[in-house]
PDB file of N, CA and C in Angstrom:
ATOM      1  N   UNK A   1      -9.584  33.681 -14.521  1.00  0.00           N
ATOM      2  CA  UNK A   1      -9.798  32.560 -15.480  1.00  0.00           C
ATOM      3  C   UNK A   1      -9.366  33.309 -16.863  1.00  0.00           C
ATOM      4  N   UNK A   2      -8.277  33.415 -17.763  1.00  0.00           N
ATOM      5  CA  UNK A   2      -8.125  34.015 -18.778  1.00  0.00           C
ATOM      6  C   UNK A   2      -9.186  33.737 -19.396  1.00  0.00           C
ATOM      7  N   UNK A   3      -8.993  35.284 -20.445  1.00  0.00           N
ATOM      8  CA  UNK A   3     -10.569  35.769 -21.617  1.00  0.00           C
ATOM      9  C   UNK A   3     -10.677  34.211 -22.840  1.00  0.00           C
ATOM     10  N   UNK A   4      -8.665  34.075 -23.077  1.00  0.00           N
ATOM     11  CA  UNK A   4      -8.936  32.695 -24.088  1.00  0.00           C
ATOM     12  C   UNK A   4      -9.267  31.656 -23.383  1.00  0.00           C
ATOM     13  N   UNK A   5      -9.863  31.531 -22.287  1.00  0.00           N
ATOM     14  CA  UNK A   5     -10.349  30.026 -21.767  1.00  0.00           C
ATOM     15  C   UNK A   5     -12.237  30.632 -22.110  1.00  0.00           C
ATOM     16  N   UNK A   6     -12.110  31.219 -21.524  1.00  0.00           N
ATOM     17  CA  UNK A   6     -14.123  31.879 -21.347  1.00  0.00           C
ATOM     18  C   UNK A   6     -14.582  32.088 -22.898  1.00  0.00           C
ATOM     19  N   UNK A   7     -13.962  32.416 -23.833  1.00  0.00           N
ATOM     20  CA  UNK A   7     -14.173  32.788 -24.548  1.00  0.00           C
ATOM     21  C   UNK A   7     -14.526  31.104 -25.654  1.00  0.00           C
ATOM     22  N   UNK A   8     -13.158  30.148 -25.568  1.00  0.00           N
ATOM     23  CA  UNK A   8     -13.420  28.747 -25.671  1.00  0.00           C
ATOM     24  C   UNK A   8     -14.529  27.818 -25.195  1.00  0.00           C
ATOM     25  N   UNK A   9     -14.796  28.239 -23.570  1.00  0.00           N
ATOM     26  CA  UNK A   9     -15.877  27.822 -23.338  1.00  0.00           C
ATOM     27  C   UNK A   9     -16.919  28.157 -23.481  1.00  0.00           C
ATOM     28  N   UNK A  10     -16.717  29.581 -23.783  1.00  0.00           N
ATOM     29  CA  UNK A  10     -18.592  29.604 -24.666  1.00  0.00           C
ATOM     30  C   UNK A  10     -18.966  29.241 -26.319  1.00  0.00           C
ATOM     31  N   UNK A  11     -17.813  28.799 -26.490  1.00  0.00           N
ATOM     32  CA  UNK A  11     -17.890  28.337 -28.027  1.00  0.00           C
ATOM     33  C   UNK A  11     -18.359  26.728 -27.799  1.00  0.00           C
ATOM     34  N   UNK A  12     -18.069  26.106 -26.641  1.00  0.00           N
ATOM     35  CA  UNK A  12     -17.962  24.810 -26.865  1.00  0.00           C
ATOM     36  C   UNK A  12     -19.184  24.643 -26.500  1.00  0.00           C
ATOM     37  N   UNK A  13     -19.857  25.234 -25.461  1.00  0.00           N
ATOM     38  CA  UNK A  13     -21.190  25.623 -24.942  1.00  0.00           C
ATOM     39  C   UNK A  13     -22.416  25.211 -25.423  1.00  0.00           C
ATOM     40  N   UNK A  14     -22.117  26.534 -26.819  1.00  0.00           N
ATOM     41  CA  UNK A  14     -22.969  26.789 -28.090  1.00  0.00           C
ATOM     42  C   UNK A  14     -23.155  25.454 -28.286  1.00  0.00           C
ATOM     43  N   UNK A  15     -21.685  24.791 -29.201  1.00  0.00           N
ATOM     44  CA  UNK A  15     -21.945  23.575 -29.528  1.00  0.00           C
ATOM     45  C   UNK A  15     -22.753  22.449 -29.146  1.00  0.00           C
ATOM     46  N   UNK A  16     -22.418  22.805 -27.492  1.00  0.00           N
ATOM     47  CA  UNK A  16     -22.984  21.290 -26.815  1.00  0.00           C
ATOM     48  C   UNK A  16     -24.677  21.633 -27.315  1.00  0.00           C
ATOM     49  N   UNK A  17     -25.403  22.971 -26.526  1.00  0.00           N
ATOM     50  CA  UNK A  17     -26.778  23.594 -26.622  1.00  0.00           C
ATOM     51  C   UNK A  17     -27.050  23.053 -27.860  1.00  0.00           C
ATOM     52  N   UNK A  18     -26.110  23.086 -29.565  1.00  0.00           N
ATOM     53  CA  UNK A  18     -27.014  22.941 -30.421  1.00  0.00           C
ATOM     54  C   UNK A  18     -27.120  21.108 -30.803  1.00  0.00           C
ATOM     55  N   UNK A  19     -26.249  20.181 -29.937  1.00  0.00           N
ATOM     56  CA  UNK A  19     -25.618  18.907 -30.002  1.00  0.00           C
ATOM     57  C   UNK A  19     -27.179  18.300 -28.944  1.00  0.00           C
ATOM     58  N   UNK A  20     -27.102  18.646 -28.158  1.00  0.00           N
ATOM     59  CA  UNK A  20     -27.835  18.350 -26.970  1.00  0.00           C
ATOM     60  C   UNK A  20     -29.833  19.013 -28.336  1.00  0.00           C
ATOM     61  N   UNK A  21     -29.874  19.989 -28.285  1.00  0.00           N
ATOM     62  CA  UNK A  21     -31.188  19.934 -28.892  1.00  0.00           C
ATOM     63  C   UNK A  21     -31.199  18.655 -30.249  1.00  0.00           C
ATOM     64  N   UNK A  22     -30.430  18.561 -30.916  1.00  0.00           N
ATOM     65  CA  UNK A  22     -30.958  17.825 -32.349  1.00  0.00           C
ATOM     66  C   UNK A  22     -30.786  16.434 -32.151  1.00  0.00           C
ATOM     67  N   UNK A  23     -30.251  15.768 -31.332  1.00  0.00           N
ATOM     68  CA  UNK A  23     -29.679  14.943 -30.412  1.00  0.00           C
ATOM     69  C   UNK A  23     -30.626  14.039 -29.830  1.00  0.00           C
ATOM     70  N   UNK A  24     -30.852  15.039 -28.540  1.00  0.00           N
ATOM     71  CA  UNK A  24     -31.610  13.812 -27.697  1.00  0.00           C
ATOM     72  C   UNK A  24     -33.196  14.997 -27.327  1.00  0.00           C
ATOM     73  N   UNK A  25     -33.189  15.786 -27.638  1.00  0.00           N
ATOM     74  CA  UNK A  25     -34.461  16.335 -27.874  1.00  0.00           C
ATOM     75  C   UNK A  25     -35.133  16.290 -28.953  1.00  0.00           C
ATOM     76  N   UNK A  26     -34.665  16.713 -30.534  1.00  0.00           N
ATOM     77  CA  UNK A  26     -35.194  15.469 -31.447  1.00  0.00           C
ATOM     78  C   UNK A  26     -34.997  17.711 -31.959  1.00  0.00           C
ATOM     79  N   UNK A  27     -35.720  17.920 -33.581  1.00  0.00           N
ATOM     80  CA  UNK A  27     -36.454  19.363 -34.119  1.00  0.00           C
ATOM     81  C   UNK A  27     -36.959  18.338 -35.180  1.00  0.00           C
ATOM     82  N   UNK A  28     -37.241  19.828 -35.594  1.00  0.00           N
ATOM     83  CA  UNK A  28     -38.472  19.993 -37.003  1.00  0.00           C
ATOM     84  C   UNK A  28     -37.665  20.925 -37.402  1.00  0.00           C
ATOM     85  N   UNK A  29     -37.577  20.438 -39.286  1.00  0.00           N
ATOM     86  CA  UNK A  29     -36.791  20.742 -40.447  1.00  0.00           C
ATOM     87  C   UNK A  29     -36.773  22.503 -40.297  1.00  0.00           C
ATOM     88  N   UNK A  30     -38.257  22.704 -39.851  1.00  0.00           N
ATOM     89  CA  UNK A  30     -37.785  24.451 -39.670  1.00  0.00           C
ATOM     90  C   UNK A  30     -36.629  24.796 -38.767  1.00  0.00           C
ATOM     91  N   UNK A  31     -36.409  23.912 -38.210  1.00  0.00           N
ATOM     92  CA  UNK A  31     -35.383  24.480 -37.131  1.00  0.00           C
ATOM     93  C   UNK A  31     -33.993  24.231 -36.952  1.00  0.00           C
ATOM     94  N   UNK A  32     -33.908  23.789 -38.429  1.00  0.00           N
ATOM     95  CA  UNK A  32     -32.545  23.905 -38.945  1.00  0.00           C
ATOM     96  C   UNK A  32     -32.082  25.317 -39.109  1.00  0.00           C
ATOM     97  N   UNK A  33     -32.887  26.451 -39.683  1.00  0.00           N
ATOM     98  CA  UNK A  33     -32.032  27.735 -39.230  1.00  0.00           C
ATOM     99  C   UNK A  33     -32.071  28.458 -38.620  1.00  0.00           C
ATOM    100  N   UNK A  34     -31.788  28.014 -37.339  1.00  0.00           N
ATOM    101  CA  UNK A  34     -31.236  28.703 -36.306  1.00  0.00           C
ATOM    102  C   UNK A  34     -30.557  27.517 -35.873  1.00  0.00           C
ATOM    103  N   UNK A  35     -30.918  26.047 -35.651  1.00  0.00           N
ATOM    104  CA  UNK A  35     -29.270  24.933 -34.905  1.00  0.00           C
ATOM    105  C   UNK A  35     -28.357  25.099 -36.051  1.00  0.00           C
ATOM    106  N   UNK A  36     -28.415  24.669 -37.495  1.00  0.00           N
ATOM    107  CA  UNK A  36     -27.112  25.054 -37.845  1.00  0.00           C
ATOM    108  C   UNK A  36     -26.237  26.838 -38.155  1.00  0.00           C
ATOM    109  N   UNK A  37     -26.954  27.546 -37.929  1.00  0.00           N
ATOM    110  CA  UNK A  37     -25.811  28.695 -37.595  1.00  0.00           C
ATOM    111  C   UNK A  37     -25.453  28.132 -36.116  1.00  0.00           C
ATOM    112  N   UNK A  38     -26.186  27.898 -35.093  1.00  0.00           N
ATOM    113  CA  UNK A  38     -25.778  27.868 -33.434  1.00  0.00           C
ATOM    114  C   UNK A  38     -24.401  26.807 -33.731  1.00  0.00           C
ATOM    115  N   UNK A  39     -24.444  25.939 -34.690  1.00  0.00           N
ATOM    116  CA  UNK A  39     -23.314  25.154 -34.317  1.00  0.00           C
ATOM    117  C   UNK A  39     -22.277  26.005 -35.143  1.00  0.00           C
ATOM    118  N   UNK A  40     -22.384  26.252 -36.263  1.00  0.00           N
ATOM    119  CA  UNK A  40     -21.075  27.397 -36.999  1.00  0.00           C
ATOM    120  C   UNK A  40     -21.126  28.550 -35.539  1.00  0.00           C
ATOM    121  N   UNK A  41     -21.319  29.340 -35.415  1.00  0.00           N
ATOM    122  CA  UNK A  41     -20.749  29.835 -34.214  1.00  0.00           C
ATOM    123  C   UNK A  41     -20.197  29.802 -33.775  1.00  0.00           C
ATOM    124  N   UNK A  42     -20.759  28.741 -32.328  1.00  0.00           N
ATOM    125  CA  UNK A  42     -19.503  28.459 -31.868  1.00  0.00           C
ATOM    126  C   UNK A  42     -18.901  27.611 -32.159  1.00  0.00           C
ATOM    127  N   UNK A  43     -18.047  26.844 -33.333  1.00  0.00           N
ATOM    128  CA  UNK A  43     -16.887  26.151 -34.153  1.00  0.00           C
ATOM    129  C   UNK A  43     -15.723  27.436 -34.141  1.00  0.00           C
ATOM    130  N   UNK A  44     -16.818  28.539 -34.481  1.00  0.00           N
ATOM    131  CA  UNK A  44     -15.651  29.742 -34.924  1.00  0.00           C
ATOM    132  C   UNK A  44     -15.674  30.381 -33.859  1.00  0.00           C
ATOM    133  N   UNK A  45     -16.338  30.393 -32.768  1.00  0.00           N
ATOM    134  CA  UNK A  45     -15.846  30.860 -31.310  1.00  0.00           C
ATOM    135  C   UNK A  45     -14.739  30.372 -30.317  1.00  0.00           C
ATOM    136  N   UNK A  46     -15.022  29.066 -30.799  1.00  0.00           N
ATOM    137  CA  UNK A  46     -14.339  27.605 -30.067  1.00  0.00           C
ATOM    138  C   UNK A  46     -12.458  27.969 -30.381  1.00  0.00           C
ATOM    139  N   UNK A  47     -12.897  28.171 -32.263  1.00  0.00           N
ATOM    140  CA  UNK A  47     -11.636  27.817 -32.258  1.00  0.00           C
ATOM    141  C   UNK A  47     -10.419  29.021 -32.670  1.00  0.00           C
ATOM    142  N   UNK A  48     -11.743  30.715 -32.404  1.00  0.00           N
ATOM    143  CA  UNK A  48     -10.752  32.034 -31.488  1.00  0.00           C
ATOM    144  C   UNK A  48     -10.351  31.972 -30.341  1.00  0.00           C
ATOM    145  N   UNK A  49     -11.621  30.822 -29.457  1.00  0.00           N
ATOM    146  CA  UNK A  49     -10.611  31.888 -28.509  1.00  0.00           C
ATOM    147  C   UNK A  49      -9.911  30.401 -28.212  1.00  0.00           C
ATOM    148  N   UNK A  50      -9.299  29.035 -29.220  1.00  0.00           N
ATOM    149  CA  UNK A  50      -7.541  28.963 -28.876  1.00  0.00           C
ATOM    150  C   UNK A  50      -6.499  28.729 -29.348  1.00  0.00           C
ATOM    151  N   UNK A  51      -6.821  29.714 -30.933  1.00  0.00           N
ATOM    152  CA  UNK A  51      -6.156  30.679 -30.944  1.00  0.00           C
ATOM    153  C   UNK A  51      -5.955  31.822 -30.573  1.00  0.00           C
ATOM    154  N   UNK A  52      -6.044  32.611 -29.929  1.00  0.00           N
ATOM    155  CA  UNK A  52      -5.698  33.251 -28.895  1.00  0.00           C
ATOM    156  C   UNK A  52      -4.694  33.217 -28.309  1.00  0.00           C
ATOM    157  N   UNK A  53      -4.211  35.305 -28.087  1.00  0.00           N
ATOM    158  CA  UNK A  53      -2.923  34.623 -27.688  1.00  0.00           C
ATOM    159  C   UNK A  53      -2.795  34.500 -25.871  1.00  0.00           C
ATOM    160  N   UNK A  54      -1.847  34.017 -25.485  1.00  0.00           N
ATOM    161  CA  UNK A  54      -2.227  33.481 -23.888  1.00  0.00           C
ATOM    162  C   UNK A  54      -1.651  35.277 -23.189  1.00  0.00           C
ATOM    163  N   UNK A  55      -2.566  34.744 -22.474  1.00  0.00           N
ATOM    164  CA  UNK A  55      -2.122  36.246 -21.745  1.00  0.00           C
ATOM    165  C   UNK A  55      -1.302  36.304 -21.141  1.00  0.00           C
ATOM    166  N   UNK A  56      -0.108  37.340 -20.001  1.00  0.00           N
ATOM    167  CA  UNK A  56       1.260  36.990 -19.810  1.00  0.00           C
ATOM    168  C   UNK A  56       1.074  36.515 -18.216  1.00  0.00           C
ATOM    169  N   UNK A  57       1.870  35.616 -17.828  1.00  0.00           N
ATOM    170  CA  UNK A  57       1.618  35.133 -16.022  1.00  0.00           C
ATOM    171  C   UNK A  57       1.952  35.814 -15.231  1.00  0.00           C
TER     172      UNK A  57
END
């Protein structure tokens, strides 16, 4: 697999974990301290992965 796809997948997985935690499992307000950064980091990593230069074929 190319590095670009791996980085994008990592970002999507982080966002999916945060979404699963907030929507399915539920959360306490005190947990928002780490859930919001998890969303932000996941989105940034996914965007960086999408913008990375494609490897040589």
